[in-house]
Amino acid sequence: MSPLETAKKIRVFLVDDEPDASSLMRLILDSESDMETAGSRTKVAGLLDELAQHPTDVLLIDLTLSGEDAIEAIREVKCARPEIRIVVLSGCLDPIVLRRAREAGAAVCVAKALEIDATLQAIRNA
């Protein structure tokens, strides 16, 4: 086996209310030699229970979830599971909102408009 095959993969849990975006991200993550999808949800309700059932290294969460407070979810995850690194994906580039996400516990915020390599790098470096 090569070193990449024996190395521990980064387990990424996805939260995005757009099923197509989530499916595409799952395909991309699972095609990376050093990553795998731990699970996914379309809403934050029940997220802590899901994370308890799926070993997770990185939570990749959309900041603009329909009718839900992603920033509060970030705060709850960091409180309950501080070992999980959080990467925020957002179409919202408002510096105040992004600052609130980082204050809540996000390691990094990535604009959805960036190329996928920027998101993958953020996951690796979170």
N, C-alpha and C. Protein backbone atom coordinates (compact mmCIF):
# COMPACT_ATOMS: atom_id res chain seq x y z
N MET A 1 0.83 -1.19 0.00
CA MET A 1 0.00 0.00 0.00
C MET A 1 0.87 1.25 0.00
N SER A 2 0.41 2.25 -0.69
CA SER A 2 1.14 3.51 -0.71
C SER A 2 0.85 4.28 0.58
N PRO A 3 1.70 5.25 0.93
CA PRO A 3 1.45 6.05 2.15
C PRO A 3 0.10 6.74 2.14
N LEU A 4 -0.37 7.17 0.96
CA LEU A 4 -1.68 7.82 0.88
C LEU A 4 -2.81 6.85 1.19
N GLU A 5 -2.64 5.59 0.82
CA GLU A 5 -3.69 4.61 1.07
C GLU A 5 -3.77 4.22 2.54
N THR A 6 -2.65 4.30 3.26
CA THR A 6 -2.66 3.92 4.67
C THR A 6 -2.89 5.11 5.59
N ALA A 7 -2.75 6.32 5.08
CA ALA A 7 -2.95 7.51 5.90
C ALA A 7 -4.43 7.67 6.24
N LYS A 8 -4.68 8.24 7.41
CA LYS A 8 -6.06 8.50 7.84
C LYS A 8 -6.67 9.58 6.95
N LYS A 9 -7.86 9.32 6.46
CA LYS A 9 -8.54 10.31 5.63
C LYS A 9 -9.24 11.34 6.51
N ILE A 10 -9.36 12.55 5.98
CA ILE A 10 -10.11 13.60 6.65
C ILE A 10 -11.59 13.30 6.44
N ARG A 11 -12.30 13.11 7.53
CA ARG A 11 -13.74 12.80 7.46
C ARG A 11 -14.53 14.10 7.54
N VAL A 12 -15.28 14.39 6.47
CA VAL A 12 -15.98 15.66 6.33
C VAL A 12 -17.49 15.42 6.39
N PHE A 13 -18.15 16.14 7.28
CA PHE A 13 -19.61 16.09 7.38
C PHE A 13 -20.16 17.35 6.73
N LEU A 14 -21.13 17.20 5.84
CA LEU A 14 -21.68 18.32 5.08
C LEU A 14 -23.04 18.77 5.61
N VAL A 15 -23.24 20.09 5.66
CA VAL A 15 -24.57 20.65 5.93
C VAL A 15 -24.83 21.72 4.88
N ASP A 16 -25.77 21.42 4.00
CA ASP A 16 -26.15 22.36 2.94
C ASP A 16 -27.59 22.07 2.58
N ASP A 17 -28.41 23.13 2.52
CA ASP A 17 -29.83 22.93 2.23
C ASP A 17 -30.12 22.81 0.74
N GLU A 18 -29.10 22.85 -0.07
CA GLU A 18 -29.27 22.63 -1.51
C GLU A 18 -28.79 21.22 -1.83
N PRO A 19 -29.72 20.28 -2.06
CA PRO A 19 -29.33 18.88 -2.28
C PRO A 19 -28.35 18.68 -3.43
N ASP A 20 -28.49 19.44 -4.51
CA ASP A 20 -27.58 19.29 -5.63
C ASP A 20 -26.16 19.71 -5.24
N ALA A 21 -26.04 20.81 -4.51
CA ALA A 21 -24.72 21.27 -4.06
C ALA A 21 -24.10 20.25 -3.12
N SER A 22 -24.91 19.69 -2.24
CA SER A 22 -24.42 18.69 -1.29
C SER A 22 -23.97 17.43 -2.02
N SER A 23 -24.75 16.98 -2.99
CA SER A 23 -24.39 15.78 -3.76
C SER A 23 -23.10 15.99 -4.53
N LEU A 24 -22.96 17.15 -5.14
CA LEU A 24 -21.74 17.46 -5.89
C LEU A 24 -20.54 17.51 -4.95
N MET A 25 -20.69 18.15 -3.80
CA MET A 25 -19.58 18.23 -2.85
C MET A 25 -19.21 16.83 -2.36
N ARG A 26 -20.18 15.99 -2.13
CA ARG A 26 -19.91 14.61 -1.70
C ARG A 26 -19.07 13.88 -2.75
N LEU A 27 -19.45 14.02 -4.02
CA LEU A 27 -18.68 13.39 -5.10
C LEU A 27 -17.25 13.89 -5.14
N ILE A 28 -17.09 15.20 -4.99
CA ILE A 28 -15.75 15.79 -5.03
C ILE A 28 -14.91 15.30 -3.85
N LEU A 29 -15.48 15.35 -2.65
CA LEU A 29 -14.74 14.91 -1.46
C LEU A 29 -14.33 13.45 -1.57
N ASP A 30 -15.26 12.61 -2.00
CA ASP A 30 -14.97 11.18 -2.07
C ASP A 30 -14.00 10.83 -3.19
N SER A 31 -13.77 11.75 -4.12
CA SER A 31 -12.79 11.50 -5.18
C SER A 31 -11.39 11.91 -4.75
N GLU A 32 -11.27 12.63 -3.63
CA GLU A 32 -9.97 13.03 -3.11
C GLU A 32 -9.35 11.87 -2.34
N SER A 33 -8.06 11.64 -2.54
CA SER A 33 -7.40 10.50 -1.90
C SER A 33 -7.27 10.66 -0.38
N ASP A 34 -7.34 11.90 0.12
CA ASP A 34 -7.14 12.13 1.54
C ASP A 34 -8.41 12.55 2.28
N MET A 35 -9.58 12.41 1.62
CA MET A 35 -10.84 12.83 2.24
C MET A 35 -11.93 11.80 2.00
N GLU A 36 -12.94 11.85 2.87
CA GLU A 36 -14.14 11.05 2.66
C GLU A 36 -15.30 11.76 3.35
N THR A 37 -16.49 11.52 2.84
CA THR A 37 -17.68 12.12 3.43
C THR A 37 -18.12 11.29 4.62
N ALA A 38 -18.27 11.94 5.76
CA ALA A 38 -18.72 11.26 6.98
C ALA A 38 -20.24 11.19 7.03
N GLY A 39 -20.91 12.12 6.39
CA GLY A 39 -22.36 12.18 6.39
C GLY A 39 -22.80 13.54 5.86
N SER A 40 -24.12 13.71 5.76
CA SER A 40 -24.62 15.00 5.29
C SER A 40 -26.05 15.21 5.78
N ARG A 41 -26.40 16.47 5.87
CA ARG A 41 -27.75 16.90 6.28
C ARG A 41 -28.12 18.12 5.47
N THR A 42 -29.44 18.35 5.38
CA THR A 42 -29.91 19.56 4.70
C THR A 42 -30.34 20.63 5.70
N LYS A 43 -30.30 20.30 7.00
CA LYS A 43 -30.68 21.27 8.03
C LYS A 43 -29.85 21.02 9.28
N VAL A 44 -29.84 22.02 10.17
CA VAL A 44 -29.03 21.89 11.38
C VAL A 44 -29.78 21.17 12.51
N ALA A 45 -31.08 21.12 12.43
CA ALA A 45 -31.84 20.40 13.46
C ALA A 45 -31.37 18.94 13.49
N GLY A 46 -30.96 18.49 14.66
CA GLY A 46 -30.48 17.11 14.81
C GLY A 46 -29.02 16.91 14.45
N LEU A 47 -28.32 17.99 14.15
CA LEU A 47 -26.92 17.89 13.71
C LEU A 47 -26.03 17.26 14.79
N LEU A 48 -26.18 17.67 16.03
CA LEU A 48 -25.32 17.11 17.08
C LEU A 48 -25.52 15.61 17.23
N ASP A 49 -26.76 15.15 17.10
CA ASP A 49 -27.02 13.70 17.16
C ASP A 49 -26.34 12.98 16.00
N GLU A 50 -26.41 13.56 14.80
CA GLU A 50 -25.75 12.97 13.63
C GLU A 50 -24.24 12.91 13.82
N LEU A 51 -23.66 13.99 14.31
CA LEU A 51 -22.22 14.02 14.51
C LEU A 51 -21.78 12.99 15.54
N ALA A 52 -22.62 12.70 16.52
CA ALA A 52 -22.31 11.68 17.52
C ALA A 52 -22.27 10.29 16.90
N GLN A 53 -22.97 10.10 15.81
CA GLN A 53 -23.04 8.79 15.16
C GLN A 53 -22.00 8.61 14.05
N HIS A 54 -21.40 9.71 13.59
CA HIS A 54 -20.46 9.65 12.47
C HIS A 54 -19.14 10.31 12.86
N PRO A 55 -18.07 9.54 12.97
CA PRO A 55 -16.78 10.17 13.26
C PRO A 55 -16.49 11.27 12.24
N THR A 56 -16.19 12.46 12.73
CA THR A 56 -16.04 13.64 11.87
C THR A 56 -14.83 14.44 12.30
N ASP A 57 -14.03 14.84 11.31
CA ASP A 57 -12.89 15.72 11.56
C ASP A 57 -13.24 17.17 11.25
N VAL A 58 -13.98 17.36 10.13
CA VAL A 58 -14.31 18.70 9.65
C VAL A 58 -15.80 18.77 9.34
N LEU A 59 -16.43 19.82 9.82
CA LEU A 59 -17.81 20.13 9.45
C LEU A 59 -17.76 21.21 8.39
N LEU A 60 -18.31 20.91 7.22
CA LEU A 60 -18.40 21.88 6.13
C LEU A 60 -19.85 22.33 6.08
N ILE A 61 -20.10 23.58 6.46
CA ILE A 61 -21.47 24.05 6.62
C ILE A 61 -21.73 25.30 5.79
N ASP A 62 -22.87 25.30 5.13
CA ASP A 62 -23.32 26.47 4.38
C ASP A 62 -23.81 27.48 5.40
N LEU A 63 -23.41 28.71 5.25
CA LEU A 63 -23.77 29.74 6.22
C LEU A 63 -25.21 30.22 6.04
N THR A 64 -25.74 30.12 4.83
CA THR A 64 -27.09 30.62 4.56
C THR A 64 -28.04 29.44 4.36
N LEU A 65 -28.52 28.92 5.46
CA LEU A 65 -29.48 27.81 5.44
C LEU A 65 -30.88 28.38 5.59
N SER A 66 -31.79 27.92 4.78
CA SER A 66 -33.17 28.43 4.78
C SER A 66 -33.81 28.30 6.15
N GLY A 67 -34.11 29.43 6.76
CA GLY A 67 -34.85 29.45 8.01
C GLY A 67 -34.11 28.93 9.21
N GLU A 68 -32.80 28.72 9.11
CA GLU A 68 -32.05 28.20 10.24
C GLU A 68 -30.85 29.10 10.52
N ASP A 69 -30.38 29.05 11.74
CA ASP A 69 -29.26 29.88 12.17
C ASP A 69 -27.98 29.05 12.17
N ALA A 70 -27.25 29.13 11.07
CA ALA A 70 -26.01 28.35 10.95
C ALA A 70 -24.96 28.81 11.95
N ILE A 71 -24.94 30.09 12.27
CA ILE A 71 -23.96 30.60 13.24
C ILE A 71 -24.21 30.00 14.62
N GLU A 72 -25.46 29.91 15.01
CA GLU A 72 -25.78 29.27 16.29
C GLU A 72 -25.41 27.79 16.26
N ALA A 73 -25.63 27.14 15.13
CA ALA A 73 -25.24 25.73 14.99
C ALA A 73 -23.73 25.57 15.14
N ILE A 74 -22.96 26.48 14.56
CA ILE A 74 -21.50 26.45 14.69
C ILE A 74 -21.12 26.55 16.16
N ARG A 75 -21.74 27.48 16.86
CA ARG A 75 -21.47 27.69 18.29
C ARG A 75 -21.79 26.41 19.09
N GLU A 76 -22.92 25.78 18.79
CA GLU A 76 -23.32 24.56 19.51
C GLU A 76 -22.36 23.41 19.23
N VAL A 77 -21.94 23.26 17.98
CA VAL A 77 -21.01 22.19 17.63
C VAL A 77 -19.67 22.42 18.34
N LYS A 78 -19.15 23.64 18.33
CA LYS A 78 -17.87 23.91 18.97
C LYS A 78 -17.94 23.69 20.48
N CYS A 79 -19.10 23.96 21.07
CA CYS A 79 -19.28 23.74 22.51
C CYS A 79 -19.33 22.24 22.82
N ALA A 80 -20.10 21.50 22.05
CA ALA A 80 -20.30 20.06 22.30
C ALA A 80 -19.16 19.21 21.77
N ARG A 81 -18.56 19.61 20.66
CA ARG A 81 -17.53 18.81 19.99
C ARG A 81 -16.36 19.70 19.56
N PRO A 82 -15.60 20.24 20.51
CA PRO A 82 -14.54 21.20 20.18
C PRO A 82 -13.45 20.64 19.26
N GLU A 83 -13.34 19.34 19.17
CA GLU A 83 -12.30 18.74 18.31
C GLU A 83 -12.65 18.83 16.82
N ILE A 84 -13.91 19.06 16.51
CA ILE A 84 -14.32 19.18 15.11
C ILE A 84 -13.95 20.56 14.59
N ARG A 85 -13.23 20.59 13.48
CA ARG A 85 -12.88 21.86 12.84
C ARG A 85 -14.02 22.24 11.90
N ILE A 86 -14.34 23.50 11.85
CA ILE A 86 -15.50 23.95 11.07
C ILE A 86 -15.04 24.86 9.94
N VAL A 87 -15.48 24.50 8.73
CA VAL A 87 -15.24 25.31 7.54
C VAL A 87 -16.59 25.78 7.05
N VAL A 88 -16.73 27.09 6.89
CA VAL A 88 -17.98 27.69 6.43
C VAL A 88 -17.89 27.95 4.93
N LEU A 89 -18.91 27.53 4.22
CA LEU A 89 -19.07 27.89 2.81
C LEU A 89 -20.17 28.94 2.76
N SER A 90 -19.93 30.01 2.03
CA SER A 90 -20.96 31.04 2.00
C SER A 90 -20.95 31.83 0.71
N GLY A 91 -22.15 32.14 0.25
CA GLY A 91 -22.32 33.07 -0.84
C GLY A 91 -22.36 34.49 -0.31
N CYS A 92 -22.53 34.61 1.00
CA CYS A 92 -22.58 35.91 1.68
C CYS A 92 -21.16 36.33 2.04
N LEU A 93 -20.76 37.47 1.53
CA LEU A 93 -19.41 37.95 1.81
C LEU A 93 -19.40 39.14 2.76
N ASP A 94 -20.51 39.36 3.46
CA ASP A 94 -20.61 40.45 4.44
C ASP A 94 -19.58 40.21 5.54
N PRO A 95 -18.61 41.11 5.70
CA PRO A 95 -17.56 40.89 6.69
C PRO A 95 -18.08 40.74 8.12
N ILE A 96 -19.18 41.38 8.44
CA ILE A 96 -19.75 41.27 9.79
C ILE A 96 -20.27 39.85 10.02
N VAL A 97 -20.97 39.31 9.04
CA VAL A 97 -21.50 37.94 9.15
C VAL A 97 -20.35 36.94 9.22
N LEU A 98 -19.35 37.11 8.38
CA LEU A 98 -18.21 36.20 8.40
C LEU A 98 -17.44 36.28 9.71
N ARG A 99 -17.33 37.49 10.27
CA ARG A 99 -16.68 37.66 11.57
C ARG A 99 -17.47 36.92 12.66
N ARG A 100 -18.80 37.02 12.60
CA ARG A 100 -19.65 36.31 13.58
C ARG A 100 -19.45 34.80 13.48
N ALA A 101 -19.30 34.29 12.26
CA ALA A 101 -19.08 32.85 12.07
C ALA A 101 -17.74 32.44 12.68
N ARG A 102 -16.71 33.24 12.48
CA ARG A 102 -15.40 32.93 13.07
C ARG A 102 -15.45 33.03 14.59
N GLU A 103 -16.15 34.04 15.12
CA GLU A 103 -16.29 34.17 16.57
C GLU A 103 -17.06 33.00 17.17
N ALA A 104 -17.98 32.43 16.41
CA ALA A 104 -18.76 31.28 16.88
C ALA A 104 -17.93 29.99 16.89
N GLY A 105 -16.83 29.98 16.13
CA GLY A 105 -15.96 28.81 16.15
C GLY A 105 -15.51 28.30 14.80
N ALA A 106 -15.90 28.95 13.73
CA ALA A 106 -15.45 28.52 12.40
C ALA A 106 -13.95 28.76 12.27
N ALA A 107 -13.23 27.77 11.75
CA ALA A 107 -11.79 27.92 11.54
C ALA A 107 -11.51 28.81 10.34
N VAL A 108 -12.36 28.69 9.34
CA VAL A 108 -12.16 29.45 8.10
C VAL A 108 -13.49 29.60 7.38
N CYS A 109 -13.63 30.68 6.65
CA CYS A 109 -14.82 30.92 5.82
C CYS A 109 -14.36 31.00 4.37
N VAL A 110 -15.05 30.24 3.51
CA VAL A 110 -14.69 30.17 2.10
C VAL A 110 -15.89 30.62 1.27
N ALA A 111 -15.63 31.50 0.32
CA ALA A 111 -16.71 31.95 -0.57
C ALA A 111 -17.08 30.83 -1.54
N LYS A 112 -18.38 30.60 -1.71
CA LYS A 112 -18.84 29.58 -2.65
C LYS A 112 -18.37 29.87 -4.07
N ALA A 113 -18.13 31.13 -4.38
CA ALA A 113 -17.74 31.51 -5.73
C ALA A 113 -16.30 31.10 -6.05
N LEU A 114 -15.51 30.75 -5.04
CA LEU A 114 -14.12 30.36 -5.29
C LEU A 114 -14.07 29.00 -5.96
N GLU A 115 -12.97 28.71 -6.59
CA GLU A 115 -12.78 27.41 -7.21
C GLU A 115 -12.77 26.34 -6.13
N ILE A 116 -13.15 25.13 -6.49
CA ILE A 116 -13.26 24.03 -5.53
C ILE A 116 -11.93 23.75 -4.84
N ASP A 117 -10.81 23.99 -5.52
CA ASP A 117 -9.51 23.77 -4.89
C ASP A 117 -9.33 24.61 -3.64
N ALA A 118 -9.88 25.81 -3.62
CA ALA A 118 -9.79 26.67 -2.44
C ALA A 118 -10.56 26.05 -1.27
N THR A 119 -11.70 25.45 -1.56
CA THR A 119 -12.49 24.79 -0.51
C THR A 119 -11.74 23.56 0.00
N LEU A 120 -11.19 22.76 -0.89
CA LEU A 120 -10.45 21.56 -0.48
C LEU A 120 -9.23 21.94 0.36
N GLN A 121 -8.54 22.99 -0.02
CA GLN A 121 -7.40 23.47 0.75
C GLN A 121 -7.83 23.94 2.12
N ALA A 122 -8.97 24.62 2.22
CA ALA A 122 -9.49 25.08 3.50
C ALA A 122 -9.81 23.90 4.41
N ILE A 123 -10.37 22.83 3.86
CA ILE A 123 -10.66 21.63 4.64
C ILE A 123 -9.38 21.02 5.15
N ARG A 124 -8.38 20.92 4.29
CA ARG A 124 -7.10 20.31 4.69
C ARG A 124 -6.39 21.13 5.76
N ASN A 125 -6.54 22.46 5.70
CA ASN A 125 -5.80 23.33 6.61
C ASN A 125 -6.59 23.80 7.82
N ALA A 126 -7.85 23.39 7.92
CA ALA A 126 -8.70 23.88 9.02
C ALA A 126 -8.16 23.45 10.36
